[in-house]
Structures are given as structure tokens and as C-alpha cells.
Amino acid sequence: MAHVLIADDDPDIRELFEMTVGSLGHTWRAVGDGGAAIDALAESVYDLAILDVGMPCATGIEVVAKVRADDPARTLPIILVSAYSSDDDVRRGLEAGADDYLTKPVVLAELRRRICALLAP
């Protein structure tokens, strides 16, 4: 069982992600903005983070960049989720250090596959 951080400013999307993570048998903590995500990552150990790109306080890309800069050896798998879907948007997210990038609306079956792939031993 993994512990997953979910960060999205839309409560309906957070709830969908919580149900998806829970259906895989994992525990989670959900927060509504990038600042809270940064705080949560500093307070606890997570096995995976799912971050919305367009959050207040800090974008998902800013959270990824901070995680990678604070501890370059930290191997926390991170999935960015966003309505921004151009090739440049995806490239920016991956270059910031995200392991995966999904566009909204997210197909929950695809999110489950990506979670399982990143958490596979």
C-alpha cells in the first residue's frame, strides 16, 4: 500500500482522484493548492504525488521544481494533471521533473494505469 499526495484546486476532481487512489488500496492526503502541497511534502513521506498544474499559491510545475531542487536525489514519482495539453505544456512539465503528464479531462482508467506503473517495484 502506498501513500499518495493529491493536489488540485477543484474539489470535484480531488474527490475523483481520491476514489481512484482508494480503489487501488492506497491511502492519500488531498490538498487544494500548491502551497499546501509543498507543506504536505515537507511534513510527511509520500510514495507518489498527483499535482494539478493550474493551482493557486504555487503551480504544479513550481511544486515539482521545488521538490527536485530541494533534494535532487529524491525519487518521488510525480504525475502532473492539466487542462494545458499542448506539446510545449507537456514538455515544460516533464522538463521540470515530473515523471508523467495527463491532460484533463482525465480518463480514470488511464490514471489508474499510470499510478500502478509508477508504483511498480
N, C-alpha and C. Protein backbone atom coordinates (compact mmCIF):
# COMPACT_ATOMS: atom_id res chain seq x y z
N MET A 1 0.84 -1.18 0.00
CA MET A 1 0.00 0.00 0.00
C MET A 1 0.89 1.25 0.00
N ALA A 2 0.55 2.18 -0.87
CA ALA A 2 1.32 3.42 -0.99
C ALA A 2 0.54 4.58 -0.36
N HIS A 3 1.28 5.63 -0.05
CA HIS A 3 0.67 6.86 0.47
C HIS A 3 0.84 7.93 -0.61
N VAL A 4 -0.28 8.52 -1.07
CA VAL A 4 -0.29 9.39 -2.24
C VAL A 4 -0.75 10.79 -1.84
N LEU A 5 -0.04 11.80 -2.34
CA LEU A 5 -0.47 13.18 -2.18
C LEU A 5 -1.24 13.58 -3.44
N ILE A 6 -2.44 14.11 -3.23
CA ILE A 6 -3.28 14.60 -4.31
C ILE A 6 -3.43 16.11 -4.11
N ALA A 7 -3.10 16.90 -5.13
CA ALA A 7 -3.23 18.36 -5.02
C ALA A 7 -3.95 18.89 -6.25
N ASP A 8 -5.15 19.41 -6.03
CA ASP A 8 -5.94 20.01 -7.11
C ASP A 8 -6.88 21.02 -6.47
N ASP A 9 -7.04 22.17 -7.09
CA ASP A 9 -7.90 23.20 -6.52
C ASP A 9 -9.38 22.96 -6.78
N ASP A 10 -9.72 22.00 -7.60
CA ASP A 10 -11.13 21.66 -7.86
C ASP A 10 -11.54 20.50 -6.96
N PRO A 11 -12.48 20.75 -6.01
CA PRO A 11 -12.85 19.70 -5.06
C PRO A 11 -13.47 18.47 -5.74
N ASP A 12 -14.17 18.65 -6.86
CA ASP A 12 -14.76 17.50 -7.54
C ASP A 12 -13.68 16.61 -8.15
N ILE A 13 -12.67 17.22 -8.73
CA ILE A 13 -11.56 16.44 -9.30
C ILE A 13 -10.78 15.76 -8.18
N ARG A 14 -10.53 16.48 -7.08
CA ARG A 14 -9.84 15.86 -5.94
C ARG A 14 -10.60 14.61 -5.50
N GLU A 15 -11.92 14.72 -5.42
CA GLU A 15 -12.72 13.57 -4.97
C GLU A 15 -12.58 12.39 -5.94
N LEU A 16 -12.60 12.67 -7.25
CA LEU A 16 -12.41 11.59 -8.23
C LEU A 16 -11.05 10.93 -8.07
N PHE A 17 -10.01 11.75 -7.87
CA PHE A 17 -8.67 11.21 -7.69
C PHE A 17 -8.58 10.42 -6.39
N GLU A 18 -9.22 10.90 -5.33
CA GLU A 18 -9.24 10.17 -4.05
C GLU A 18 -9.89 8.80 -4.23
N MET A 19 -11.02 8.77 -4.93
CA MET A 19 -11.70 7.48 -5.16
C MET A 19 -10.83 6.55 -6.00
N THR A 20 -10.13 7.10 -6.98
CA THR A 20 -9.27 6.28 -7.83
C THR A 20 -8.11 5.70 -7.03
N VAL A 21 -7.45 6.54 -6.25
CA VAL A 21 -6.33 6.08 -5.43
C VAL A 21 -6.82 5.05 -4.40
N GLY A 22 -7.95 5.34 -3.77
CA GLY A 22 -8.51 4.42 -2.79
C GLY A 22 -8.91 3.09 -3.40
N SER A 23 -9.42 3.11 -4.63
CA SER A 23 -9.83 1.86 -5.29
C SER A 23 -8.65 0.94 -5.55
N LEU A 24 -7.45 1.51 -5.56
CA LEU A 24 -6.23 0.71 -5.74
C LEU A 24 -5.65 0.24 -4.40
N GLY A 25 -6.33 0.61 -3.30
CA GLY A 25 -5.89 0.16 -1.99
C GLY A 25 -4.87 1.07 -1.33
N HIS A 26 -4.68 2.26 -1.87
CA HIS A 26 -3.70 3.19 -1.33
C HIS A 26 -4.35 4.22 -0.41
N THR A 27 -3.57 4.79 0.47
CA THR A 27 -4.03 5.90 1.30
C THR A 27 -3.63 7.20 0.62
N TRP A 28 -4.26 8.29 1.03
CA TRP A 28 -3.96 9.56 0.40
C TRP A 28 -4.18 10.71 1.38
N ARG A 29 -3.59 11.84 0.99
CA ARG A 29 -3.89 13.13 1.60
C ARG A 29 -4.19 14.06 0.44
N ALA A 30 -5.27 14.80 0.53
CA ALA A 30 -5.66 15.71 -0.54
C ALA A 30 -5.59 17.15 -0.05
N VAL A 31 -5.03 18.01 -0.89
CA VAL A 31 -4.93 19.44 -0.59
C VAL A 31 -5.41 20.24 -1.80
N GLY A 32 -5.72 21.53 -1.56
CA GLY A 32 -6.35 22.33 -2.60
C GLY A 32 -5.49 23.36 -3.29
N ASP A 33 -4.21 23.45 -2.94
CA ASP A 33 -3.36 24.41 -3.65
C ASP A 33 -1.90 23.98 -3.56
N GLY A 34 -1.09 24.65 -4.37
CA GLY A 34 0.32 24.29 -4.45
C GLY A 34 1.10 24.55 -3.17
N GLY A 35 0.76 25.62 -2.45
CA GLY A 35 1.43 25.90 -1.18
C GLY A 35 1.18 24.80 -0.17
N ALA A 36 -0.06 24.33 -0.11
CA ALA A 36 -0.39 23.23 0.80
C ALA A 36 0.31 21.94 0.37
N ALA A 37 0.50 21.76 -0.93
CA ALA A 37 1.22 20.58 -1.42
C ALA A 37 2.67 20.63 -0.97
N ILE A 38 3.30 21.79 -1.09
CA ILE A 38 4.69 21.94 -0.65
C ILE A 38 4.80 21.65 0.84
N ASP A 39 3.86 22.19 1.64
CA ASP A 39 3.86 21.93 3.08
C ASP A 39 3.68 20.45 3.37
N ALA A 40 2.74 19.81 2.69
CA ALA A 40 2.47 18.39 2.92
C ALA A 40 3.70 17.54 2.59
N LEU A 41 4.39 17.87 1.51
CA LEU A 41 5.58 17.12 1.13
C LEU A 41 6.71 17.29 2.13
N ALA A 42 6.74 18.43 2.81
CA ALA A 42 7.76 18.67 3.83
C ALA A 42 7.42 17.97 5.14
N GLU A 43 6.14 17.73 5.38
CA GLU A 43 5.67 17.18 6.65
C GLU A 43 5.61 15.66 6.69
N SER A 44 5.50 15.03 5.54
CA SER A 44 5.24 13.60 5.52
C SER A 44 5.95 12.95 4.33
N VAL A 45 6.06 11.64 4.38
CA VAL A 45 6.67 10.88 3.29
C VAL A 45 5.56 10.32 2.42
N TYR A 46 5.69 10.53 1.14
CA TYR A 46 4.72 10.03 0.16
C TYR A 46 5.43 9.13 -0.83
N ASP A 47 4.65 8.21 -1.41
CA ASP A 47 5.18 7.30 -2.41
C ASP A 47 4.89 7.79 -3.83
N LEU A 48 3.96 8.75 -3.94
CA LEU A 48 3.55 9.29 -5.24
C LEU A 48 2.84 10.61 -4.99
N ALA A 49 2.97 11.55 -5.93
CA ALA A 49 2.21 12.80 -5.88
C ALA A 49 1.49 12.98 -7.21
N ILE A 50 0.23 13.39 -7.12
CA ILE A 50 -0.57 13.75 -8.28
C ILE A 50 -0.89 15.23 -8.13
N LEU A 51 -0.37 16.06 -9.04
CA LEU A 51 -0.46 17.50 -8.90
C LEU A 51 -1.11 18.14 -10.11
N ASP A 52 -2.09 19.00 -9.86
CA ASP A 52 -2.67 19.82 -10.90
C ASP A 52 -1.66 20.90 -11.28
N VAL A 53 -1.58 21.23 -12.54
CA VAL A 53 -0.65 22.28 -12.96
C VAL A 53 -1.18 23.65 -12.56
N GLY A 54 -2.46 23.92 -12.79
CA GLY A 54 -3.01 25.25 -12.58
C GLY A 54 -3.61 25.49 -11.22
N MET A 55 -2.79 25.43 -10.18
CA MET A 55 -3.27 25.67 -8.81
C MET A 55 -2.84 27.04 -8.32
N PRO A 56 -3.61 27.61 -7.37
CA PRO A 56 -3.17 28.85 -6.73
C PRO A 56 -2.00 28.60 -5.77
N CYS A 57 -1.37 29.66 -5.37
CA CYS A 57 -0.23 29.68 -4.42
C CYS A 57 1.06 29.16 -5.05
N ALA A 58 1.01 28.06 -5.71
CA ALA A 58 2.15 27.52 -6.47
C ALA A 58 1.57 26.55 -7.50
N THR A 59 2.03 26.65 -8.73
CA THR A 59 1.56 25.73 -9.76
C THR A 59 2.15 24.34 -9.51
N GLY A 60 1.56 23.35 -10.15
CA GLY A 60 2.12 22.02 -10.05
C GLY A 60 3.55 21.96 -10.55
N ILE A 61 3.85 22.72 -11.60
CA ILE A 61 5.22 22.76 -12.12
C ILE A 61 6.16 23.37 -11.10
N GLU A 62 5.72 24.40 -10.40
CA GLU A 62 6.55 25.00 -9.35
C GLU A 62 6.78 24.03 -8.20
N VAL A 63 5.75 23.25 -7.87
CA VAL A 63 5.91 22.25 -6.80
C VAL A 63 6.93 21.20 -7.22
N VAL A 64 6.81 20.71 -8.45
CA VAL A 64 7.77 19.72 -8.96
C VAL A 64 9.19 20.28 -8.91
N ALA A 65 9.36 21.49 -9.41
CA ALA A 65 10.69 22.09 -9.44
C ALA A 65 11.26 22.23 -8.04
N LYS A 66 10.43 22.62 -7.07
CA LYS A 66 10.89 22.75 -5.69
C LYS A 66 11.30 21.41 -5.12
N VAL A 67 10.48 20.38 -5.35
CA VAL A 67 10.81 19.04 -4.85
C VAL A 67 12.14 18.58 -5.42
N ARG A 68 12.33 18.74 -6.71
CA ARG A 68 13.56 18.28 -7.36
C ARG A 68 14.77 19.11 -6.93
N ALA A 69 14.58 20.41 -6.72
CA ALA A 69 15.69 21.28 -6.33
C ALA A 69 16.09 21.09 -4.87
N ASP A 70 15.10 20.87 -4.01
CA ASP A 70 15.39 20.70 -2.59
C ASP A 70 16.21 19.45 -2.30
N ASP A 71 15.96 18.40 -3.06
CA ASP A 71 16.66 17.14 -2.85
C ASP A 71 16.76 16.42 -4.19
N PRO A 72 17.81 16.69 -4.95
CA PRO A 72 17.92 16.10 -6.28
C PRO A 72 17.91 14.57 -6.28
N ALA A 73 18.25 13.97 -5.18
CA ALA A 73 18.26 12.50 -5.11
C ALA A 73 16.87 11.94 -4.80
N ARG A 74 15.94 12.80 -4.42
CA ARG A 74 14.60 12.34 -4.07
C ARG A 74 13.92 11.78 -5.31
N THR A 75 13.43 10.57 -5.20
CA THR A 75 12.88 9.88 -6.36
C THR A 75 11.36 9.80 -6.31
N LEU A 76 10.71 10.72 -5.63
CA LEU A 76 9.26 10.72 -5.55
C LEU A 76 8.65 10.76 -6.96
N PRO A 77 7.88 9.74 -7.33
CA PRO A 77 7.20 9.79 -8.63
C PRO A 77 6.11 10.87 -8.59
N ILE A 78 6.04 11.66 -9.65
CA ILE A 78 5.07 12.75 -9.71
C ILE A 78 4.34 12.70 -11.04
N ILE A 79 3.00 12.75 -10.95
CA ILE A 79 2.14 12.86 -12.12
C ILE A 79 1.55 14.26 -12.13
N LEU A 80 1.77 15.00 -13.20
CA LEU A 80 1.11 16.28 -13.38
C LEU A 80 -0.16 16.06 -14.18
N VAL A 81 -1.21 16.80 -13.80
CA VAL A 81 -2.50 16.71 -14.46
C VAL A 81 -2.90 18.13 -14.84
N SER A 82 -3.35 18.32 -16.09
CA SER A 82 -3.65 19.68 -16.50
C SER A 82 -4.58 19.75 -17.69
N ALA A 83 -5.30 20.85 -17.76
CA ALA A 83 -6.08 21.16 -18.96
C ALA A 83 -5.17 21.68 -20.06
N TYR A 84 -3.96 22.11 -19.68
CA TYR A 84 -2.98 22.57 -20.67
C TYR A 84 -2.41 21.34 -21.39
N SER A 85 -2.70 21.25 -22.69
CA SER A 85 -2.39 20.00 -23.36
C SER A 85 -1.49 20.11 -24.57
N SER A 86 -0.93 21.28 -24.82
CA SER A 86 -0.05 21.40 -25.99
C SER A 86 1.25 20.64 -25.74
N ASP A 87 1.96 20.38 -26.82
CA ASP A 87 3.26 19.70 -26.69
C ASP A 87 4.20 20.51 -25.80
N ASP A 88 4.16 21.83 -25.91
CA ASP A 88 5.02 22.68 -25.07
C ASP A 88 4.65 22.56 -23.60
N ASP A 89 3.35 22.48 -23.30
CA ASP A 89 2.92 22.34 -21.91
C ASP A 89 3.43 21.03 -21.32
N VAL A 90 3.27 19.96 -22.07
CA VAL A 90 3.73 18.64 -21.62
C VAL A 90 5.24 18.66 -21.44
N ARG A 91 5.95 19.22 -22.41
CA ARG A 91 7.41 19.30 -22.34
C ARG A 91 7.85 20.05 -21.10
N ARG A 92 7.22 21.21 -20.83
CA ARG A 92 7.58 22.01 -19.64
C ARG A 92 7.39 21.20 -18.36
N GLY A 93 6.29 20.47 -18.28
CA GLY A 93 6.03 19.66 -17.09
C GLY A 93 7.06 18.57 -16.90
N LEU A 94 7.39 17.89 -17.98
CA LEU A 94 8.37 16.81 -17.88
C LEU A 94 9.78 17.35 -17.64
N GLU A 95 10.11 18.48 -18.26
CA GLU A 95 11.43 19.07 -18.04
C GLU A 95 11.59 19.60 -16.61
N ALA A 96 10.48 19.96 -15.98
CA ALA A 96 10.53 20.41 -14.58
C ALA A 96 10.85 19.25 -13.64
N GLY A 97 10.63 18.03 -14.12
CA GLY A 97 10.96 16.86 -13.31
C GLY A 97 9.80 15.92 -13.05
N ALA A 98 8.64 16.18 -13.65
CA ALA A 98 7.52 15.24 -13.49
C ALA A 98 7.85 13.93 -14.21
N ASP A 99 7.30 12.86 -13.68
CA ASP A 99 7.51 11.54 -14.29
C ASP A 99 6.46 11.24 -15.36
N ASP A 100 5.30 11.90 -15.24
CA ASP A 100 4.22 11.65 -16.17
C ASP A 100 3.35 12.90 -16.25
N TYR A 101 2.54 13.00 -17.30
CA TYR A 101 1.70 14.16 -17.53
C TYR A 101 0.42 13.68 -18.18
N LEU A 102 -0.71 13.94 -17.54
CA LEU A 102 -2.01 13.58 -18.09
C LEU A 102 -2.81 14.85 -18.34
N THR A 103 -3.58 14.85 -19.43
CA THR A 103 -4.41 16.01 -19.72
C THR A 103 -5.84 15.77 -19.26
N LYS A 104 -6.49 16.88 -18.86
CA LYS A 104 -7.89 16.84 -18.44
C LYS A 104 -8.77 17.01 -19.68
N PRO A 105 -9.92 16.38 -19.70
CA PRO A 105 -10.45 15.54 -18.63
C PRO A 105 -9.70 14.21 -18.56
N VAL A 106 -9.36 13.82 -17.35
CA VAL A 106 -8.57 12.62 -17.14
C VAL A 106 -9.47 11.38 -17.24
N VAL A 107 -9.02 10.42 -18.01
CA VAL A 107 -9.69 9.12 -18.06
C VAL A 107 -9.19 8.36 -16.83
N LEU A 108 -10.10 8.05 -15.92
CA LEU A 108 -9.68 7.47 -14.64
C LEU A 108 -9.00 6.12 -14.81
N ALA A 109 -9.41 5.34 -15.80
CA ALA A 109 -8.73 4.06 -16.04
C ALA A 109 -7.27 4.31 -16.42
N GLU A 110 -7.01 5.37 -17.18
CA GLU A 110 -5.63 5.71 -17.55
C GLU A 110 -4.85 6.19 -16.33
N LEU A 111 -5.49 6.98 -15.48
CA LEU A 111 -4.84 7.41 -14.24
C LEU A 111 -4.46 6.20 -13.40
N ARG A 112 -5.36 5.23 -13.28
CA ARG A 112 -5.04 4.00 -12.53
C ARG A 112 -3.83 3.29 -13.11
N ARG A 113 -3.79 3.18 -14.44
CA ARG A 113 -2.64 2.53 -15.09
C ARG A 113 -1.34 3.27 -14.79
N ARG A 114 -1.37 4.58 -14.87
CA ARG A 114 -0.15 5.38 -14.63
C ARG A 114 0.29 5.26 -13.18
N ILE A 115 -0.67 5.28 -12.24
CA ILE A 115 -0.34 5.11 -10.83
C ILE A 115 0.33 3.76 -10.62
N CYS A 116 -0.28 2.72 -11.14
CA CYS A 116 0.28 1.36 -10.97
C CYS A 116 1.68 1.26 -11.59
N ALA A 117 1.86 1.86 -12.75
CA ALA A 117 3.17 1.81 -13.41
C ALA A 117 4.24 2.51 -12.58
N LEU A 118 3.91 3.67 -12.03
CA LEU A 118 4.91 4.42 -11.26
C LEU A 118 5.19 3.79 -9.90
N LEU A 119 4.24 3.04 -9.38
CA LEU A 119 4.44 2.41 -8.07
C LEU A 119 4.93 0.97 -8.17
N ALA A 120 5.05 0.47 -9.40
CA ALA A 120 5.51 -0.91 -9.57
C ALA A 120 6.94 -1.05 -9.06
N PRO A 121 7.23 -2.18 -8.41
CA PRO A 121 8.60 -2.39 -7.89
C PRO A 121 9.62 -2.55 -8.98
